[in-house]
Amino acid sequence: MEKAGIIVGDDGRGRCFWHGGLEDYRRYHDEEWGRPVTDDSRLFEKICLEGFQSGLSWLTILRKRENFRAAFAGFDFDKVAEFGEEDVVRLLADTGIIRHRGKIVSTINNARRAQELRDESGSLAKFFWSFEPGAEGRPAVMDLATLRANPTTPVSVLLSKALKKRGWTFVGPTTVYAFMQAMGLVNDHLDGCFCRQEVDELRLKFRRP
């Protein structure tokens, strides 16, 4: 019997429902989502793209991700921090990305805040992973009802507040929790998804920064 929220693919493996059977989305689910990340550029990229996603679907952002990377210097935050008004105008004219002035300006602001955070903590990874929930903060089994009922957590609220205190923008608790899920700070693959065990094993071997 299939578990709620699990789709069995043509390869016979169960996966979280949200990939919807779309090949690019399924690949993202299988290969990226929930797997621990410590690379500062990837962490910066993801939290910025989660901000761009606000009001949209992640699939929309995923399909434009390469365009975003080209537009924002590969999300090298030292480079993005140097962007000025001419870059904002350039980005507003770029049809390959989401042309939202507030989100574009936010990304440039957050690049500058990322530099400060690196100077403060040593790396973005050290700061973000310091908010990894302990065992008591993660369910042993993630079911569909639990996932849908918890778009934020107490830890994502704390991380959101910590970032906002440091001047980051577009980092509300829901955005931050989606970032935590994607970057592997929690394992929210559903029970019955083949990735859940794989990610658990990766997390056991993972060296925290």
N, C-alpha and C. Protein backbone atom coordinates (compact mmCIF):
# COMPACT_ATOMS: atom_id res chain seq x y z
N MET A 1 0.85 -1.20 0.00
CA MET A 1 0.00 0.00 0.00
C MET A 1 0.88 1.25 0.00
N GLU A 2 0.59 2.18 -0.93
CA GLU A 2 1.37 3.40 -1.01
C GLU A 2 1.05 4.33 0.15
N LYS A 3 2.07 5.04 0.62
CA LYS A 3 1.87 5.97 1.73
C LYS A 3 1.44 7.33 1.18
N ALA A 4 0.72 8.08 2.00
CA ALA A 4 0.23 9.39 1.59
C ALA A 4 1.39 10.28 1.19
N GLY A 5 1.23 10.94 0.06
CA GLY A 5 2.25 11.87 -0.39
C GLY A 5 3.39 11.25 -1.16
N ILE A 6 3.33 9.96 -1.43
CA ILE A 6 4.39 9.26 -2.15
C ILE A 6 3.90 8.89 -3.56
N ILE A 7 4.73 9.20 -4.54
CA ILE A 7 4.47 8.81 -5.93
C ILE A 7 5.52 7.77 -6.31
N VAL A 8 5.08 6.62 -6.80
CA VAL A 8 6.01 5.59 -7.26
C VAL A 8 6.27 5.83 -8.75
N GLY A 9 7.54 6.00 -9.08
CA GLY A 9 7.91 6.31 -10.46
C GLY A 9 8.01 5.08 -11.33
N ASP A 10 8.32 5.32 -12.59
CA ASP A 10 8.44 4.21 -13.53
C ASP A 10 9.65 3.34 -13.23
N ASP A 11 10.53 3.82 -12.35
CA ASP A 11 11.68 3.02 -11.91
C ASP A 11 11.35 2.21 -10.66
N GLY A 12 10.09 2.30 -10.19
CA GLY A 12 9.66 1.54 -9.03
C GLY A 12 10.01 2.15 -7.69
N ARG A 13 10.61 3.35 -7.69
CA ARG A 13 11.01 3.97 -6.44
C ARG A 13 9.99 5.02 -6.00
N GLY A 14 9.69 5.03 -4.71
CA GLY A 14 8.77 6.01 -4.16
C GLY A 14 9.46 7.33 -3.92
N ARG A 15 8.77 8.42 -4.24
CA ARG A 15 9.31 9.76 -4.07
C ARG A 15 8.25 10.69 -3.47
N CYS A 16 8.70 11.77 -2.85
CA CYS A 16 7.78 12.80 -2.37
C CYS A 16 6.93 13.30 -3.53
N PHE A 17 5.68 13.57 -3.24
CA PHE A 17 4.70 13.91 -4.27
C PHE A 17 5.02 15.18 -5.05
N TRP A 18 5.78 16.11 -4.44
CA TRP A 18 5.81 17.47 -4.99
C TRP A 18 6.56 17.62 -6.30
N HIS A 19 7.32 16.60 -6.71
CA HIS A 19 8.00 16.71 -8.01
C HIS A 19 7.02 16.56 -9.16
N GLY A 20 5.84 15.98 -8.88
CA GLY A 20 4.77 15.92 -9.86
C GLY A 20 5.06 15.13 -11.11
N GLY A 21 6.12 14.32 -11.09
CA GLY A 21 6.45 13.51 -12.26
C GLY A 21 7.19 14.27 -13.34
N LEU A 22 7.51 15.54 -13.10
CA LEU A 22 8.23 16.35 -14.09
C LEU A 22 9.72 16.02 -14.01
N GLU A 23 10.33 15.78 -15.14
CA GLU A 23 11.69 15.25 -15.15
C GLU A 23 12.69 16.16 -14.45
N ASP A 24 12.65 17.46 -14.75
CA ASP A 24 13.63 18.35 -14.13
C ASP A 24 13.38 18.50 -12.64
N TYR A 25 12.11 18.51 -12.26
CA TYR A 25 11.76 18.62 -10.85
C TYR A 25 12.11 17.33 -10.10
N ARG A 26 11.91 16.21 -10.76
CA ARG A 26 12.27 14.93 -10.14
C ARG A 26 13.78 14.83 -9.94
N ARG A 27 14.53 15.30 -10.91
CA ARG A 27 16.00 15.28 -10.79
C ARG A 27 16.45 16.15 -9.61
N TYR A 28 15.83 17.31 -9.47
CA TYR A 28 16.15 18.19 -8.34
C TYR A 28 15.82 17.48 -7.02
N HIS A 29 14.66 16.84 -6.96
CA HIS A 29 14.27 16.09 -5.77
C HIS A 29 15.27 14.98 -5.45
N ASP A 30 15.67 14.24 -6.46
CA ASP A 30 16.53 13.07 -6.25
C ASP A 30 17.97 13.45 -5.92
N GLU A 31 18.47 14.51 -6.55
CA GLU A 31 19.90 14.78 -6.51
C GLU A 31 20.31 15.95 -5.62
N GLU A 32 19.36 16.82 -5.30
CA GLU A 32 19.75 18.02 -4.56
C GLU A 32 19.00 18.22 -3.25
N TRP A 33 17.69 18.18 -3.29
CA TRP A 33 16.87 18.64 -2.17
C TRP A 33 17.13 17.82 -0.91
N GLY A 34 17.49 18.50 0.15
CA GLY A 34 17.70 17.83 1.43
C GLY A 34 19.10 17.31 1.67
N ARG A 35 19.95 17.37 0.66
CA ARG A 35 21.32 16.86 0.83
C ARG A 35 22.21 17.96 1.41
N PRO A 36 22.95 17.67 2.47
CA PRO A 36 23.67 18.73 3.20
C PRO A 36 24.63 19.53 2.32
N VAL A 37 24.59 20.84 2.49
CA VAL A 37 25.41 21.76 1.71
C VAL A 37 26.20 22.66 2.66
N THR A 38 27.50 22.82 2.37
CA THR A 38 28.32 23.74 3.16
C THR A 38 28.99 24.81 2.30
N ASP A 39 28.81 24.74 1.00
CA ASP A 39 29.42 25.72 0.11
C ASP A 39 28.72 27.07 0.26
N ASP A 40 29.49 28.11 0.58
CA ASP A 40 28.89 29.41 0.85
C ASP A 40 28.14 29.99 -0.35
N SER A 41 28.67 29.80 -1.54
CA SER A 41 27.99 30.34 -2.73
C SER A 41 26.64 29.66 -2.94
N ARG A 42 26.60 28.35 -2.73
CA ARG A 42 25.33 27.63 -2.89
C ARG A 42 24.33 28.03 -1.81
N LEU A 43 24.81 28.22 -0.61
CA LEU A 43 23.92 28.66 0.46
C LEU A 43 23.37 30.05 0.17
N PHE A 44 24.23 30.94 -0.28
CA PHE A 44 23.78 32.28 -0.62
C PHE A 44 22.81 32.24 -1.79
N GLU A 45 23.14 31.47 -2.81
CA GLU A 45 22.24 31.34 -3.96
C GLU A 45 20.86 30.88 -3.52
N LYS A 46 20.82 29.86 -2.71
CA LYS A 46 19.53 29.27 -2.34
C LYS A 46 18.69 30.22 -1.53
N ILE A 47 19.28 30.91 -0.57
CA ILE A 47 18.45 31.79 0.25
C ILE A 47 17.95 32.97 -0.57
N CYS A 48 18.74 33.40 -1.55
CA CYS A 48 18.27 34.47 -2.44
C CYS A 48 17.17 33.97 -3.36
N LEU A 49 17.33 32.79 -3.92
CA LEU A 49 16.30 32.26 -4.81
C LEU A 49 15.02 31.95 -4.06
N GLU A 50 15.12 31.55 -2.81
CA GLU A 50 13.91 31.37 -2.01
C GLU A 50 13.18 32.71 -1.86
N GLY A 51 13.94 33.79 -1.75
CA GLY A 51 13.32 35.11 -1.71
C GLY A 51 12.62 35.45 -3.00
N PHE A 52 13.26 35.12 -4.12
CA PHE A 52 12.63 35.35 -5.43
C PHE A 52 11.38 34.50 -5.59
N GLN A 53 11.37 33.34 -4.95
CA GLN A 53 10.22 32.44 -5.09
C GLN A 53 8.97 32.99 -4.42
N SER A 54 9.14 33.87 -3.45
CA SER A 54 8.00 34.38 -2.68
C SER A 54 6.84 34.77 -3.60
N GLY A 55 5.69 34.11 -3.42
CA GLY A 55 4.52 34.36 -4.25
C GLY A 55 4.49 33.55 -5.53
N LEU A 56 5.53 32.75 -5.77
CA LEU A 56 5.64 31.95 -6.99
C LEU A 56 5.88 30.49 -6.60
N SER A 57 6.05 29.62 -7.58
CA SER A 57 6.39 28.23 -7.31
C SER A 57 7.90 28.04 -7.45
N TRP A 58 8.44 27.06 -6.71
CA TRP A 58 9.86 26.78 -6.84
C TRP A 58 10.19 26.30 -8.24
N LEU A 59 9.27 25.61 -8.89
CA LEU A 59 9.54 25.13 -10.25
C LEU A 59 9.82 26.30 -11.19
N THR A 60 9.10 27.39 -11.03
CA THR A 60 9.35 28.58 -11.85
C THR A 60 10.78 29.05 -11.67
N ILE A 61 11.23 29.09 -10.43
CA ILE A 61 12.60 29.55 -10.14
C ILE A 61 13.61 28.53 -10.64
N LEU A 62 13.34 27.25 -10.40
CA LEU A 62 14.28 26.20 -10.82
C LEU A 62 14.55 26.28 -12.32
N ARG A 63 13.51 26.50 -13.09
CA ARG A 63 13.67 26.54 -14.54
C ARG A 63 14.36 27.81 -15.04
N LYS A 64 14.51 28.78 -14.17
CA LYS A 64 15.24 30.00 -14.51
C LYS A 64 16.58 30.07 -13.77
N ARG A 65 16.94 29.02 -13.06
CA ARG A 65 18.10 29.08 -12.18
C ARG A 65 19.39 29.42 -12.92
N GLU A 66 19.60 28.82 -14.07
CA GLU A 66 20.83 29.12 -14.81
C GLU A 66 20.86 30.58 -15.25
N ASN A 67 19.70 31.13 -15.59
CA ASN A 67 19.63 32.56 -15.94
C ASN A 67 19.97 33.42 -14.73
N PHE A 68 19.44 33.03 -13.57
CA PHE A 68 19.77 33.77 -12.35
C PHE A 68 21.27 33.71 -12.08
N ARG A 69 21.86 32.54 -12.26
CA ARG A 69 23.30 32.40 -12.00
C ARG A 69 24.11 33.30 -12.90
N ALA A 70 23.72 33.37 -14.18
CA ALA A 70 24.42 34.23 -15.12
C ALA A 70 24.23 35.71 -14.75
N ALA A 71 23.02 36.06 -14.33
CA ALA A 71 22.70 37.45 -14.02
C ALA A 71 23.38 37.93 -12.74
N PHE A 72 23.55 37.02 -11.78
CA PHE A 72 24.09 37.39 -10.47
C PHE A 72 25.48 36.82 -10.23
N ALA A 73 26.30 36.78 -11.27
CA ALA A 73 27.72 36.44 -11.14
C ALA A 73 27.94 35.12 -10.40
N GLY A 74 27.10 34.13 -10.74
CA GLY A 74 27.23 32.82 -10.09
C GLY A 74 26.95 32.84 -8.60
N PHE A 75 26.27 33.89 -8.15
CA PHE A 75 25.97 34.09 -6.72
C PHE A 75 27.24 34.13 -5.86
N ASP A 76 28.30 34.67 -6.47
CA ASP A 76 29.50 35.03 -5.71
C ASP A 76 29.15 36.31 -4.96
N PHE A 77 28.93 36.22 -3.67
CA PHE A 77 28.38 37.40 -2.99
C PHE A 77 29.37 38.55 -2.89
N ASP A 78 30.67 38.28 -3.03
CA ASP A 78 31.63 39.38 -3.08
C ASP A 78 31.44 40.21 -4.36
N LYS A 79 31.10 39.53 -5.44
CA LYS A 79 30.84 40.24 -6.70
C LYS A 79 29.49 40.93 -6.68
N VAL A 80 28.47 40.23 -6.18
CA VAL A 80 27.13 40.82 -6.15
C VAL A 80 27.10 42.04 -5.23
N ALA A 81 27.90 42.03 -4.18
CA ALA A 81 27.95 43.16 -3.25
C ALA A 81 28.41 44.45 -3.93
N GLU A 82 29.09 44.31 -5.05
CA GLU A 82 29.58 45.48 -5.79
C GLU A 82 28.56 46.02 -6.78
N PHE A 83 27.44 45.32 -6.95
CA PHE A 83 26.42 45.78 -7.89
C PHE A 83 25.86 47.13 -7.44
N GLY A 84 25.56 47.96 -8.44
CA GLY A 84 24.98 49.28 -8.18
C GLY A 84 23.70 49.47 -8.97
N GLU A 85 23.27 50.70 -9.09
CA GLU A 85 22.00 51.01 -9.75
C GLU A 85 22.02 50.59 -11.22
N GLU A 86 23.16 50.71 -11.88
CA GLU A 86 23.24 50.27 -13.28
C GLU A 86 22.94 48.78 -13.39
N ASP A 87 23.39 48.02 -12.43
CA ASP A 87 23.12 46.58 -12.44
C ASP A 87 21.64 46.31 -12.17
N VAL A 88 21.04 47.10 -11.29
CA VAL A 88 19.62 46.94 -11.03
C VAL A 88 18.83 47.18 -12.32
N VAL A 89 19.17 48.21 -13.04
CA VAL A 89 18.50 48.51 -14.31
C VAL A 89 18.72 47.36 -15.30
N ARG A 90 19.95 46.86 -15.36
CA ARG A 90 20.25 45.73 -16.24
C ARG A 90 19.41 44.51 -15.89
N LEU A 91 19.31 44.22 -14.62
CA LEU A 91 18.58 43.05 -14.17
C LEU A 91 17.07 43.20 -14.39
N LEU A 92 16.56 44.40 -14.24
CA LEU A 92 15.15 44.65 -14.50
C LEU A 92 14.79 44.45 -15.97
N ALA A 93 15.80 44.52 -16.83
CA ALA A 93 15.56 44.32 -18.26
C ALA A 93 15.82 42.88 -18.70
N ASP A 94 16.26 42.03 -17.76
CA ASP A 94 16.62 40.65 -18.08
C ASP A 94 15.38 39.76 -18.02
N THR A 95 14.89 39.36 -19.18
CA THR A 95 13.66 38.55 -19.23
C THR A 95 13.87 37.12 -18.76
N GLY A 96 15.11 36.74 -18.53
CA GLY A 96 15.40 35.36 -18.09
C GLY A 96 15.22 35.15 -16.60
N ILE A 97 15.04 36.24 -15.84
CA ILE A 97 14.88 36.13 -14.40
C ILE A 97 13.53 36.73 -13.99
N ILE A 98 13.27 36.76 -12.69
CA ILE A 98 12.08 37.43 -12.16
C ILE A 98 12.43 38.90 -11.99
N ARG A 99 11.75 39.74 -12.75
CA ARG A 99 12.10 41.17 -12.77
C ARG A 99 11.28 41.93 -11.71
N HIS A 100 11.72 41.79 -10.50
CA HIS A 100 11.05 42.40 -9.34
C HIS A 100 12.10 43.25 -8.64
N ARG A 101 11.93 44.58 -8.70
CA ARG A 101 12.95 45.48 -8.17
C ARG A 101 13.26 45.16 -6.70
N GLY A 102 12.23 44.96 -5.91
CA GLY A 102 12.46 44.71 -4.50
C GLY A 102 13.32 43.49 -4.24
N LYS A 103 13.08 42.42 -5.01
CA LYS A 103 13.84 41.18 -4.82
C LYS A 103 15.26 41.31 -5.36
N ILE A 104 15.41 42.07 -6.43
CA ILE A 104 16.75 42.32 -6.98
C ILE A 104 17.58 43.13 -6.00
N VAL A 105 17.00 44.21 -5.50
CA VAL A 105 17.70 45.05 -4.53
C VAL A 105 18.00 44.26 -3.26
N SER A 106 17.07 43.40 -2.86
CA SER A 106 17.28 42.56 -1.69
C SER A 106 18.49 41.65 -1.87
N THR A 107 18.65 41.08 -3.04
CA THR A 107 19.78 40.17 -3.29
C THR A 107 21.11 40.91 -3.17
N ILE A 108 21.15 42.14 -3.68
CA ILE A 108 22.37 42.94 -3.57
C ILE A 108 22.64 43.30 -2.11
N ASN A 109 21.59 43.70 -1.42
CA ASN A 109 21.73 43.99 0.02
C ASN A 109 22.21 42.76 0.77
N ASN A 110 21.61 41.61 0.48
CA ASN A 110 21.96 40.40 1.20
C ASN A 110 23.39 39.95 0.91
N ALA A 111 23.90 40.28 -0.27
CA ALA A 111 25.30 39.97 -0.58
C ALA A 111 26.23 40.74 0.36
N ARG A 112 25.88 41.99 0.60
CA ARG A 112 26.69 42.80 1.52
C ARG A 112 26.56 42.29 2.96
N ARG A 113 25.37 41.87 3.31
CA ARG A 113 25.16 41.31 4.65
C ARG A 113 25.89 39.96 4.76
N ALA A 114 25.97 39.22 3.65
CA ALA A 114 26.69 37.94 3.66
C ALA A 114 28.18 38.16 3.92
N GLN A 115 28.73 39.21 3.34
CA GLN A 115 30.13 39.52 3.62
C GLN A 115 30.34 39.78 5.12
N GLU A 116 29.43 40.54 5.71
CA GLU A 116 29.52 40.83 7.14
C GLU A 116 29.39 39.57 7.98
N LEU A 117 28.47 38.71 7.55
CA LEU A 117 28.24 37.46 8.28
C LEU A 117 29.44 36.54 8.20
N ARG A 118 30.08 36.50 7.03
CA ARG A 118 31.31 35.70 6.88
C ARG A 118 32.40 36.24 7.80
N ASP A 119 32.51 37.57 7.88
CA ASP A 119 33.52 38.16 8.76
C ASP A 119 33.22 37.86 10.22
N GLU A 120 31.94 37.82 10.54
CA GLU A 120 31.52 37.57 11.92
C GLU A 120 31.70 36.11 12.32
N SER A 121 31.29 35.19 11.43
CA SER A 121 31.22 33.77 11.80
C SER A 121 32.30 32.90 11.17
N GLY A 122 33.01 33.42 10.22
CA GLY A 122 34.03 32.63 9.51
C GLY A 122 33.55 32.13 8.18
N SER A 123 32.27 31.82 8.08
CA SER A 123 31.66 31.39 6.83
C SER A 123 30.15 31.42 7.00
N LEU A 124 29.44 31.49 5.89
CA LEU A 124 27.98 31.38 5.96
C LEU A 124 27.61 30.01 6.49
N ALA A 125 28.36 29.00 6.06
CA ALA A 125 28.05 27.63 6.48
C ALA A 125 28.08 27.49 7.99
N LYS A 126 29.10 28.05 8.63
CA LYS A 126 29.20 27.94 10.10
C LYS A 126 27.99 28.59 10.77
N PHE A 127 27.58 29.73 10.23
CA PHE A 127 26.43 30.41 10.82
C PHE A 127 25.16 29.61 10.61
N PHE A 128 24.85 29.23 9.37
CA PHE A 128 23.59 28.55 9.10
C PHE A 128 23.52 27.20 9.80
N TRP A 129 24.62 26.45 9.79
CA TRP A 129 24.58 25.12 10.41
C TRP A 129 24.51 25.19 11.93
N SER A 130 24.79 26.34 12.49
CA SER A 130 24.62 26.49 13.95
C SER A 130 23.14 26.48 14.32
N PHE A 131 22.26 26.60 13.31
CA PHE A 131 20.81 26.56 13.53
C PHE A 131 20.21 25.20 13.18
N GLU A 132 21.06 24.21 12.94
CA GLU A 132 20.52 22.87 12.70
C GLU A 132 19.79 22.38 13.94
N PRO A 133 18.53 21.96 13.80
CA PRO A 133 17.80 21.47 14.97
C PRO A 133 18.46 20.21 15.54
N GLY A 134 18.38 20.04 16.85
CA GLY A 134 18.82 18.81 17.46
C GLY A 134 17.82 17.70 17.18
N ALA A 135 18.14 16.50 17.64
CA ALA A 135 17.27 15.35 17.38
C ALA A 135 15.86 15.59 17.89
N GLU A 136 15.74 16.35 18.98
CA GLU A 136 14.41 16.60 19.53
C GLU A 136 13.58 17.54 18.65
N GLY A 137 14.25 18.21 17.72
CA GLY A 137 13.54 19.16 16.86
C GLY A 137 13.16 18.60 15.51
N ARG A 138 13.39 17.30 15.30
CA ARG A 138 13.07 16.69 14.01
C ARG A 138 12.27 15.41 14.24
N PRO A 139 11.19 15.23 13.50
CA PRO A 139 10.44 13.98 13.64
C PRO A 139 11.23 12.80 13.08
N ALA A 140 11.13 11.68 13.73
CA ALA A 140 11.82 10.48 13.25
C ALA A 140 11.25 10.03 11.91
N VAL A 141 9.96 10.27 11.72
CA VAL A 141 9.28 9.94 10.47
C VAL A 141 8.55 11.19 10.01
N MET A 142 8.76 11.59 8.75
CA MET A 142 8.07 12.75 8.21
C MET A 142 6.91 12.27 7.34
N ASP A 143 5.69 12.55 7.79
CA ASP A 143 4.53 12.18 6.98
C ASP A 143 3.93 13.43 6.35
N LEU A 144 3.01 13.22 5.44
CA LEU A 144 2.45 14.33 4.66
C LEU A 144 1.74 15.34 5.55
N ALA A 145 0.98 14.86 6.52
CA ALA A 145 0.25 15.77 7.41
C ALA A 145 1.20 16.67 8.19
N THR A 146 2.29 16.09 8.69
CA THR A 146 3.27 16.86 9.45
C THR A 146 3.95 17.89 8.56
N LEU A 147 4.31 17.49 7.35
CA LEU A 147 4.98 18.40 6.42
C LEU A 147 4.09 19.59 6.10
N ARG A 148 2.83 19.32 5.80
CA ARG A 148 1.92 20.40 5.41
C ARG A 148 1.56 21.30 6.59
N ALA A 149 1.58 20.74 7.78
CA ALA A 149 1.19 21.51 8.96
C ALA A 149 2.31 22.40 9.49
N ASN A 150 3.52 22.23 8.97
CA ASN A 150 4.67 22.94 9.54
C ASN A 150 5.48 23.68 8.48
N PRO A 151 4.92 24.75 7.88
CA PRO A 151 5.69 25.54 6.91
C PRO A 151 6.79 26.36 7.58
N THR A 152 6.71 26.47 8.92
CA THR A 152 7.78 27.08 9.70
C THR A 152 8.02 26.20 10.92
N THR A 153 9.12 26.45 11.60
CA THR A 153 9.42 25.75 12.85
C THR A 153 9.99 26.78 13.82
N PRO A 154 10.05 26.47 15.11
CA PRO A 154 10.67 27.41 16.05
C PRO A 154 12.09 27.80 15.65
N VAL A 155 12.84 26.86 15.08
CA VAL A 155 14.21 27.17 14.68
C VAL A 155 14.24 28.09 13.48
N SER A 156 13.34 27.88 12.51
CA SER A 156 13.32 28.77 11.35
C SER A 156 12.91 30.19 11.76
N VAL A 157 12.07 30.30 12.77
CA VAL A 157 11.70 31.62 13.29
C VAL A 157 12.94 32.29 13.91
N LEU A 158 13.71 31.52 14.67
CA LEU A 158 14.93 32.06 15.28
C LEU A 158 15.94 32.49 14.22
N LEU A 159 16.13 31.66 13.20
CA LEU A 159 17.08 31.98 12.15
C LEU A 159 16.62 33.22 11.37
N SER A 160 15.34 33.28 11.07
CA SER A 160 14.79 34.45 10.39
C SER A 160 15.05 35.72 11.19
N LYS A 161 14.80 35.67 12.48
CA LYS A 161 15.03 36.84 13.33
C LYS A 161 16.51 37.22 13.37
N ALA A 162 17.37 36.21 13.42
CA ALA A 162 18.82 36.47 13.46
C ALA A 162 19.29 37.15 12.17
N LEU A 163 18.75 36.71 11.04
CA LEU A 163 19.13 37.32 9.76
C LEU A 163 18.57 38.74 9.65
N LYS A 164 17.32 38.91 10.02
CA LYS A 164 16.71 40.25 9.95
C LYS A 164 17.44 41.23 10.85
N LYS A 165 17.86 40.76 12.02
CA LYS A 165 18.62 41.61 12.95
C LYS A 165 19.91 42.10 12.30
N ARG A 166 20.46 41.28 11.41
CA ARG A 166 21.70 41.62 10.72
C ARG A 166 21.44 42.34 9.40
N GLY A 167 20.20 42.68 9.12
CA GLY A 167 19.89 43.50 7.96
C GLY A 167 19.50 42.76 6.70
N TRP A 168 19.36 41.42 6.78
CA TRP A 168 18.93 40.65 5.61
C TRP A 168 17.45 40.93 5.35
N THR A 169 17.05 40.79 4.08
CA THR A 169 15.66 41.01 3.69
C THR A 169 15.13 39.82 2.90
N PHE A 170 13.80 39.72 2.81
CA PHE A 170 13.13 38.58 2.18
C PHE A 170 13.58 37.27 2.82
N VAL A 171 13.63 37.26 4.14
CA VAL A 171 14.05 36.07 4.88
C VAL A 171 13.06 35.79 6.02
N GLY A 172 11.77 35.73 5.68
CA GLY A 172 10.77 35.38 6.67
C GLY A 172 10.89 33.92 7.08
N PRO A 173 10.21 33.50 8.14
CA PRO A 173 10.34 32.13 8.66
C PRO A 173 9.99 31.04 7.65
N THR A 174 8.98 31.27 6.80
CA THR A 174 8.62 30.25 5.80
C THR A 174 9.70 30.12 4.75
N THR A 175 10.21 31.27 4.28
CA THR A 175 11.32 31.27 3.31
C THR A 175 12.54 30.57 3.90
N VAL A 176 12.84 30.88 5.14
CA VAL A 176 14.01 30.31 5.80
C VAL A 176 13.84 28.81 6.00
N TYR A 177 12.64 28.37 6.34
CA TYR A 177 12.46 26.93 6.53
C TYR A 177 12.61 26.17 5.21
N ALA A 178 12.10 26.75 4.11
CA ALA A 178 12.28 26.12 2.80
C ALA A 178 13.77 26.01 2.47
N PHE A 179 14.54 27.03 2.84
CA PHE A 179 15.99 27.01 2.67
C PHE A 179 16.61 25.89 3.50
N MET A 180 16.19 25.75 4.75
CA MET A 180 16.73 24.71 5.63
C MET A 180 16.43 23.32 5.08
N GLN A 181 15.22 23.13 4.57
CA GLN A 181 14.84 21.84 3.98
C GLN A 181 15.73 21.51 2.78
N ALA A 182 15.90 22.48 1.91
CA ALA A 182 16.64 22.24 0.67
C ALA A 182 18.13 22.01 0.90
N MET A 183 18.70 22.73 1.88
CA MET A 183 20.14 22.68 2.12
C MET A 183 20.55 21.59 3.09
N GLY A 184 19.57 20.79 3.55
CA GLY A 184 19.89 19.62 4.35
C GLY A 184 20.03 19.85 5.83
N LEU A 185 19.64 21.02 6.33
CA LEU A 185 19.68 21.24 7.76
C LEU A 185 18.63 20.41 8.47
N VAL A 186 17.63 19.99 7.73
CA VAL A 186 16.65 19.00 8.20
C VAL A 186 16.43 18.01 7.06
N ASN A 187 15.92 16.85 7.38
CA ASN A 187 15.57 15.86 6.35
C ASN A 187 14.05 15.74 6.32
N ASP A 188 13.43 16.43 5.37
CA ASP A 188 11.98 16.41 5.26
C ASP A 188 11.48 15.60 4.08
N HIS A 189 12.32 14.71 3.55
CA HIS A 189 11.79 13.72 2.61
C HIS A 189 10.79 12.86 3.38
N LEU A 190 9.68 12.56 2.75
CA LEU A 190 8.61 11.83 3.42
C LEU A 190 8.99 10.38 3.68
N ASP A 191 8.39 9.81 4.73
CA ASP A 191 8.53 8.39 4.97
C ASP A 191 7.99 7.64 3.76
N GLY A 192 8.79 6.75 3.21
CA GLY A 192 8.40 6.03 1.99
C GLY A 192 9.11 6.54 0.76
N CYS A 193 9.77 7.71 0.88
CA CYS A 193 10.59 8.24 -0.22
C CYS A 193 11.98 7.62 -0.12
N PHE A 194 12.49 7.13 -1.24
CA PHE A 194 13.80 6.47 -1.19
C PHE A 194 14.91 7.42 -0.75
N CYS A 195 14.70 8.72 -0.97
CA CYS A 195 15.74 9.69 -0.61
C CYS A 195 15.87 9.87 0.90
N ARG A 196 14.81 9.56 1.64
CA ARG A 196 14.87 9.81 3.09
C ARG A 196 16.02 9.03 3.73
N GLN A 197 16.12 7.76 3.42
CA GLN A 197 17.21 6.97 4.00
C GLN A 197 18.56 7.43 3.48
N GLU A 198 18.63 7.73 2.19
CA GLU A 198 19.89 8.20 1.61
C GLU A 198 20.37 9.46 2.31
N VAL A 199 19.44 10.39 2.53
CA VAL A 199 19.80 11.65 3.17
C VAL A 199 20.16 11.42 4.64
N ASP A 200 19.44 10.55 5.32
CA ASP A 200 19.80 10.22 6.70
C ASP A 200 21.24 9.71 6.77
N GLU A 201 21.60 8.86 5.82
CA GLU A 201 22.95 8.29 5.81
C GLU A 201 23.99 9.37 5.52
N LEU A 202 23.66 10.28 4.60
CA LEU A 202 24.57 11.39 4.30
C LEU A 202 24.76 12.27 5.53
N ARG A 203 23.67 12.52 6.24
CA ARG A 203 23.73 13.37 7.41
C ARG A 203 24.57 12.75 8.53
N LEU A 204 24.50 11.42 8.64
CA LEU A 204 25.32 10.73 9.66
C LEU A 204 26.81 10.88 9.37
N LYS A 205 27.17 10.88 8.09
CA LYS A 205 28.59 10.99 7.70
C LYS A 205 29.05 12.43 7.56
N PHE A 206 28.11 13.35 7.53
CA PHE A 206 28.39 14.74 7.22
C PHE A 206 29.20 15.41 8.32
N ARG A 207 30.24 16.13 7.93
CA ARG A 207 31.07 16.89 8.88
C ARG A 207 30.54 18.31 8.94
N ARG A 208 29.97 18.66 10.08
CA ARG A 208 29.42 20.00 10.26
C ARG A 208 30.55 21.03 10.26
N PRO A 209 30.30 22.18 9.66
CA PRO A 209 31.36 23.22 9.64
C PRO A 209 31.56 23.85 11.02
